[in-house]
């Protein structure tokens, strides 16, 4: 099914998906009366952009006011995380050593 709206042509699949390319994505839904909902899609994108901008501005304010404390906290967390992984790797290696000793023991019991 093909229809024309004010700005472009709509090619519909059986599911009502149009590939007119007028939205942020190449494929987006239109209703079966041929109404293009590009305006709503663009407003949704704008809402997301506002949220992203606000989030970035909040980050800037936090860093400006508490940057030194955040740096110290990040250092503490990073060191603790490194120690956690060092212990995990060490424990795994020790577990493998134990398995090898058992394997050797049972191999020599013949």
C-alpha atoms as a PDB file:
ATOM      1  CA  UNK A   1       0.000   0.000   0.000  1.00  0.00           C
ATOM      2  CA  UNK A   2       1.370   3.465  -0.915  1.00  0.00           C
ATOM      3  CA  UNK A   3       0.074   6.828   0.283  1.00  0.00           C
ATOM      4  CA  UNK A   4       1.213  10.432   0.042  1.00  0.00           C
ATOM      5  CA  UNK A   5       1.218  12.917   2.934  1.00  0.00           C
ATOM      6  CA  UNK A   6       2.208  16.573   2.859  1.00  0.00           C
ATOM      7  CA  UNK A   7       5.931  15.908   2.991  1.00  0.00           C
ATOM      8  CA  UNK A   8       6.681  12.439   1.631  1.00  0.00           C
ATOM      9  CA  UNK A   9       5.446   9.123   0.300  1.00  0.00           C
ATOM     10  CA  UNK A  10       4.607   6.174   2.575  1.00  0.00           C
ATOM     11  CA  UNK A  11       5.342   2.570   1.582  1.00  0.00           C
ATOM     12  CA  UNK A  12       3.548   0.212   3.991  1.00  0.00           C
ATOM     13  CA  UNK A  13       4.244  -3.396   4.792  1.00  0.00           C
ATOM     14  CA  UNK A  14       1.447  -5.669   6.021  1.00  0.00           C
ATOM     15  CA  UNK A  15       2.257  -4.656   9.618  1.00  0.00           C
ATOM     16  CA  UNK A  16       1.795  -0.958   8.892  1.00  0.00           C
ATOM     17  CA  UNK A  17       5.510  -0.145   8.984  1.00  0.00           C
ATOM     18  CA  UNK A  18       6.519   2.744   6.753  1.00  0.00           C
ATOM     19  CA  UNK A  19       9.992   3.270   5.347  1.00  0.00           C
ATOM     20  CA  UNK A  20       9.590   6.930   4.372  1.00  0.00           C
ATOM     21  CA  UNK A  21      12.665   7.988   6.371  1.00  0.00           C
ATOM     22  CA  UNK A  22      10.979  11.042   7.895  1.00  0.00           C
ATOM     23  CA  UNK A  23      11.601  10.100  11.530  1.00  0.00           C
ATOM     24  CA  UNK A  24      14.722   9.675  13.601  1.00  0.00           C
ATOM     25  CA  UNK A  25      14.756   6.027  12.542  1.00  0.00           C
ATOM     26  CA  UNK A  26      14.211   4.830   9.021  1.00  0.00           C
ATOM     27  CA  UNK A  27      11.313   2.618  10.074  1.00  0.00           C
ATOM     28  CA  UNK A  28       8.563   3.891  12.328  1.00  0.00           C
ATOM     29  CA  UNK A  29       4.850   3.306  12.689  1.00  0.00           C
ATOM     30  CA  UNK A  30       2.049   5.213  11.035  1.00  0.00           C
ATOM     31  CA  UNK A  31      -1.590   4.500  11.564  1.00  0.00           C
ATOM     32  CA  UNK A  32      -3.487   2.724   8.818  1.00  0.00           C
ATOM     33  CA  UNK A  33      -5.270   5.916   7.788  1.00  0.00           C
ATOM     34  CA  UNK A  34      -1.918   7.156   6.505  1.00  0.00           C
ATOM     35  CA  UNK A  35      -1.286   9.723   9.247  1.00  0.00           C
ATOM     36  CA  UNK A  36       2.386  10.329   9.796  1.00  0.00           C
ATOM     37  CA  UNK A  37       3.365  10.622  13.460  1.00  0.00           C
ATOM     38  CA  UNK A  38       6.768  12.190  12.806  1.00  0.00           C
ATOM     39  CA  UNK A  39       5.984  15.265  14.914  1.00  0.00           C
ATOM     40  CA  UNK A  40       5.334  13.143  18.016  1.00  0.00           C
ATOM     41  CA  UNK A  41       8.531  11.185  17.401  1.00  0.00           C
ATOM     42  CA  UNK A  42      10.571  14.382  17.094  1.00  0.00           C
ATOM     43  CA  UNK A  43       9.081  15.672  20.349  1.00  0.00           C
ATOM     44  CA  UNK A  44      10.022  12.422  22.080  1.00  0.00           C
ATOM     45  CA  UNK A  45      13.582  12.854  20.814  1.00  0.00           C
ATOM     46  CA  UNK A  46      13.590  16.451  22.084  1.00  0.00           C
ATOM     47  CA  UNK A  47      12.393  15.284  25.523  1.00  0.00           C
ATOM     48  CA  UNK A  48      15.273  12.816  25.682  1.00  0.00           C
ATOM     49  CA  UNK A  49      17.744  15.523  24.632  1.00  0.00           C
ATOM     50  CA  UNK A  50      16.489  17.827  27.403  1.00  0.00           C
ATOM     51  CA  UNK A  51      17.016  15.040  29.946  1.00  0.00           C
ATOM     52  CA  UNK A  52      20.541  14.402  28.661  1.00  0.00           C
ATOM     53  CA  UNK A  53      21.465  18.097  28.775  1.00  0.00           C
ATOM     54  CA  UNK A  54      20.062  18.452  32.288  1.00  0.00           C
ATOM     55  CA  UNK A  55      21.922  15.354  33.441  1.00  0.00           C
ATOM     56  CA  UNK A  56      25.205  16.742  32.073  1.00  0.00           C
ATOM     57  CA  UNK A  57      24.618  20.100  33.788  1.00  0.00           C
ATOM     58  CA  UNK A  58      23.889  18.354  37.101  1.00  0.00           C
ATOM     59  CA  UNK A  59      27.144  16.399  36.739  1.00  0.00           C
ATOM     60  CA  UNK A  60      29.034  19.666  36.158  1.00  0.00           C
ATOM     61  CA  UNK A  61      27.526  21.205  39.320  1.00  0.00           C
ATOM     62  CA  UNK A  62      28.336  18.144  41.418  1.00  0.00           C
ATOM     63  CA  UNK A  63      31.934  18.149  40.179  1.00  0.00           C
ATOM     64  CA  UNK A  64      32.261  21.896  40.797  1.00  0.00           C
ATOM     65  CA  UNK A  65      30.968  21.617  44.369  1.00  0.00           C
ATOM     66  CA  UNK A  66      32.211  18.167  45.428  1.00  0.00           C
ATOM     67  CA  UNK A  67      34.878  17.279  42.872  1.00  0.00           C
ATOM     68  CA  UNK A  68      37.662  16.804  45.419  1.00  0.00           C
ATOM     69  CA  UNK A  69      35.523  14.483  47.548  1.00  0.00           C
ATOM     70  CA  UNK A  70      34.422  12.537  44.485  1.00  0.00           C
ATOM     71  CA  UNK A  71      38.076  12.110  43.443  1.00  0.00           C
ATOM     72  CA  UNK A  72      38.933  10.691  46.869  1.00  0.00           C
ATOM     73  CA  UNK A  73      35.905   8.394  46.835  1.00  0.00           C
ATOM     74  CA  UNK A  74      36.741   7.195  43.325  1.00  0.00           C
ATOM     75  CA  UNK A  75      40.294   6.392  44.446  1.00  0.00           C
ATOM     76  CA  UNK A  76      39.037   4.403  47.457  1.00  0.00           C
ATOM     77  CA  UNK A  77      36.556   2.451  45.336  1.00  0.00           C
ATOM     78  CA  UNK A  78      39.080   1.793  42.547  1.00  0.00           C
ATOM     79  CA  UNK A  79      41.669   0.445  45.011  1.00  0.00           C
ATOM     80  CA  UNK A  80      39.101  -1.775  46.726  1.00  0.00           C
ATOM     81  CA  UNK A  81      37.933  -3.100  43.365  1.00  0.00           C
ATOM     82  CA  UNK A  82      41.507  -3.918  42.356  1.00  0.00           C
ATOM     83  CA  UNK A  83      42.051  -5.799  45.631  1.00  0.00           C
ATOM     84  CA  UNK A  84      38.800  -7.721  45.146  1.00  0.00           C
ATOM     85  CA  UNK A  85      39.910  -8.940  41.714  1.00  0.00           C
ATOM     86  CA  UNK A  86      43.413  -9.743  42.940  1.00  0.00           C
ATOM     87  CA  UNK A  87      41.893 -11.969  45.646  1.00  0.00           C
ATOM     88  CA  UNK A  88      39.500 -13.616  43.188  1.00  0.00           C
ATOM     89  CA  UNK A  89      42.335 -14.449  40.812  1.00  0.00           C
ATOM     90  CA  UNK A  90      44.529 -15.653  43.674  1.00  0.00           C
ATOM     91  CA  UNK A  91      41.743 -17.879  45.042  1.00  0.00           C
ATOM     92  CA  UNK A  92      41.144 -19.344  41.585  1.00  0.00           C
ATOM     93  CA  UNK A  93      44.848 -20.082  41.165  1.00  0.00           C
ATOM     94  CA  UNK A  94      44.991 -21.741  44.587  1.00  0.00           C
ATOM     95  CA  UNK A  95      41.911 -23.774  43.667  1.00  0.00           C
ATOM     96  CA  UNK A  96      43.603 -24.908  40.474  1.00  0.00           C
ATOM     97  CA  UNK A  97      46.753 -25.881  42.435  1.00  0.00           C
ATOM     98  CA  UNK A  98      44.590 -27.998  44.755  1.00  0.00           C
ATOM     99  CA  UNK A  99      42.901 -29.703  41.800  1.00  0.00           C
ATOM    100  CA  UNK A 100      46.291 -30.484  40.234  1.00  0.00           C
ATOM    101  CA  UNK A 101      47.549 -31.990  43.527  1.00  0.00           C
ATOM    102  CA  UNK A 102      44.453 -34.186  43.765  1.00  0.00           C
ATOM    103  CA  UNK A 103      44.852 -35.233  40.146  1.00  0.00           C
ATOM    104  CA  UNK A 104      48.487 -36.154  40.817  1.00  0.00           C
ATOM    105  CA  UNK A 105      47.561 -38.048  43.977  1.00  0.00           C
ATOM    106  CA  UNK A 106      44.886 -40.149  42.303  1.00  0.00           C
ATOM    107  CA  UNK A 107      47.081 -40.756  39.264  1.00  0.00           C
ATOM    108  CA  UNK A 108      49.784 -42.224  41.473  1.00  0.00           C
ATOM    109  CA  UNK A 109      47.396 -44.603  43.316  1.00  0.00           C
ATOM    110  CA  UNK A 110      47.526 -47.229  40.566  1.00  0.00           C
END
